[in-house]
Protein backbone atom coordinates (compact mmCIF):
# COMPACT_ATOMS: atom_id res chain seq x y z
CA MET A 1 16.24 10.55 20.51
CA LYS A 2 15.74 9.21 17.01
CA GLU A 3 12.75 9.70 14.74
CA LEU A 4 11.17 6.66 13.09
CA ARG A 5 10.01 7.41 9.57
CA THR A 6 9.69 4.02 7.88
CA VAL A 7 8.16 0.65 8.65
CA ASN A 8 11.61 -0.93 8.23
CA GLU A 9 13.02 1.37 10.92
CA TRP A 10 10.16 0.30 13.18
CA TYR A 11 11.01 -3.38 12.65
CA ASP A 12 14.66 -2.65 13.44
CA VAL A 13 13.62 -1.01 16.72
CA LEU A 14 11.30 -3.90 17.55
CA GLU A 15 14.24 -6.30 17.04
CA GLN A 16 16.53 -4.09 19.17
CA SER A 17 14.03 -4.37 22.03
CA LYS A 18 14.85 -8.09 22.21
CA GLU A 19 18.34 -7.11 23.40
CA ASN A 20 17.54 -4.06 25.57
CA PRO A 21 14.40 -2.21 26.67
CA LEU A 22 13.60 0.97 24.75
CA PHE A 23 10.91 3.63 24.43
CA VAL A 24 8.77 4.57 21.43
CA LEU A 25 6.54 7.66 21.49
CA LYS A 26 3.69 8.23 19.04
CA HIS A 27 3.55 12.03 18.81
CA SER A 28 0.97 14.31 17.22
CA THR A 29 2.55 17.55 16.01
CA THR A 30 -0.79 19.39 16.16
CA CYS A 31 -1.83 18.54 19.72
CA PRO A 32 -0.80 20.55 22.80
CA VAL A 33 -1.20 17.49 25.06
CA SER A 34 1.17 15.60 22.78
CA ALA A 35 3.63 18.51 22.90
CA ALA A 36 3.67 18.30 26.71
CA ALA A 37 4.19 14.52 26.56
CA TYR A 38 6.99 14.94 24.00
CA ASN A 39 8.74 17.45 26.27
CA ALA A 40 8.43 15.14 29.30
CA PHE A 41 9.76 12.25 27.24
CA GLU A 42 12.62 14.25 25.74
CA SER A 43 13.74 15.62 29.11
CA SER A 44 13.55 12.24 30.87
CA ALA A 45 16.97 11.33 32.23
CA GLU A 46 16.42 7.58 31.94
CA GLU A 47 19.27 5.70 30.27
CA VAL A 48 16.99 3.87 27.83
CA PRO A 49 17.09 4.38 24.05
CA LYS A 50 14.32 6.72 22.89
CA TYR A 51 12.50 6.74 19.57
CA PHE A 52 9.52 8.73 18.38
CA LEU A 53 7.37 9.12 15.32
CA LYS A 54 5.19 11.94 14.12
CA VAL A 55 1.83 10.28 13.59
CA GLN A 56 0.67 12.63 10.81
CA GLU A 57 3.84 12.21 8.74
CA SER A 58 4.38 8.51 9.46
CA ARG A 59 0.90 7.02 9.42
CA PRO A 60 2.04 3.64 8.00
CA VAL A 61 4.53 3.28 10.88
CA SER A 62 1.87 4.21 13.42
CA ASN A 63 -0.53 1.66 11.94
CA GLU A 64 2.15 -1.04 11.98
CA ILE A 65 2.93 -0.34 15.64
CA GLU A 66 -0.76 -0.69 16.50
CA SER A 67 -0.95 -3.96 14.58
CA ASN A 68 2.28 -5.46 15.99
CA LEU A 69 1.71 -4.48 19.61
CA HIS A 70 -2.05 -5.15 19.63
CA VAL A 71 -2.67 -1.86 21.42
CA GLU A 72 -5.31 0.54 20.15
CA HIS A 73 -3.83 3.74 18.72
CA GLN A 74 -3.85 6.88 20.81
CA SER A 75 -1.80 10.02 20.54
CA PRO A 76 0.29 10.81 22.39
CA GLN A 77 1.18 7.27 23.35
CA LEU A 78 4.41 6.02 24.92
CA PHE A 79 5.54 2.40 24.94
CA LEU A 80 8.31 0.66 26.79
CA LEU A 81 9.31 -2.27 24.61
CA LYS A 82 11.13 -5.32 25.88
CA ASP A 83 11.60 -8.66 24.14
CA GLY A 84 9.63 -7.45 21.12
CA ALA A 85 6.51 -6.54 23.10
CA ALA A 86 5.00 -3.56 24.90
CA VAL A 87 5.52 -4.22 28.61
CA TRP A 88 4.22 -0.77 29.60
CA GLN A 89 2.34 2.03 27.91
CA ALA A 90 0.95 5.42 28.84
CA THR A 91 -1.14 7.99 27.02
CA HIS A 92 -1.90 11.68 27.25
CA TYR A 93 -1.21 13.23 30.67
CA SER A 94 0.07 9.91 32.05
CA ILE A 95 3.26 10.50 30.07
CA SER A 96 5.40 12.23 32.67
CA GLY A 97 8.92 12.09 34.06
CA PRO A 98 7.92 10.18 37.23
CA GLN A 99 5.87 7.63 35.25
CA ILE A 100 8.70 7.08 32.77
CA LYS A 101 11.16 6.56 35.62
CA LYS A 102 8.81 4.11 37.35
CA ALA A 103 8.34 2.12 34.12
CA VAL A 104 12.10 1.75 33.71
CA GLU A 105 12.55 0.69 37.33
CA ASN A 106 9.80 -1.94 37.01
CA TYR A 107 10.95 -3.46 33.73
CA ARG A 108 14.72 -3.16 33.62
CA SER A 109 16.42 -6.48 33.09
């Protein structure tokens, strides 16, 4: 799992999604719901690249994600990106191991 800290890193990840699906998690370091989502995401056994950002520390990245994907910001928020777009997203308690697995099964190339 790799942390995104800059807008340029975000654009690199968005480009990578054109080759292979990948996950991006918007994580709040002060929210217990986000902590649970982060743990579910981190422990997911899916063989898909995983990225995350800490919303408080990387607000410009979070804002850019919202703008590029045209999805209103929430935290926690997990995206499966494919071909430069969000093909699946979940928020709050919907971020769980079974949901992550199902997303990968539905959108794998």
